[in-house]
Amino acid sequence: MKKSITRRDIVSNIANKMNISRQLVISVLKSTLVEIQKSLFKEHRVKISSFGTFHVQKKKQRVGRNPRTKISAIISARQVVSFIPSSQLRKAVLDYSTQNKRLNTED
């Protein structure tokens, strides 16, 4: 199973790389996430250059079906947060995965 990176991991990595206190990193990260949330609450797009765009997507009410029981049920309208990665992020992930596949097959 792949490892999940937690907020604690992010804080530790940034604090070590930047040689600054963990408390400062925690404060900056928390403020950043609060600003993103506030913007999404107002249904604004949040564009982070070279990373991607977060936005609120409205889903209409629809009929769904329980695959086990085959019983239909109405799924209410709702809003969900969506993320669209930037082309730079997509390319970086693709390049990284391609490079790792190549390294794993050379053994």
Foldseek 3Di string as FASTA:
>chain_A
DDDDQDPVNVLVVVCVVVVHDSVVSVVVVVVVVVVCVVCQVVQHWDQDPLFWIKGKDKDQWDWDADPVVRDIDIDHIDIDIDIDTDPNVVVVVVVVVVVVVVVVVVD
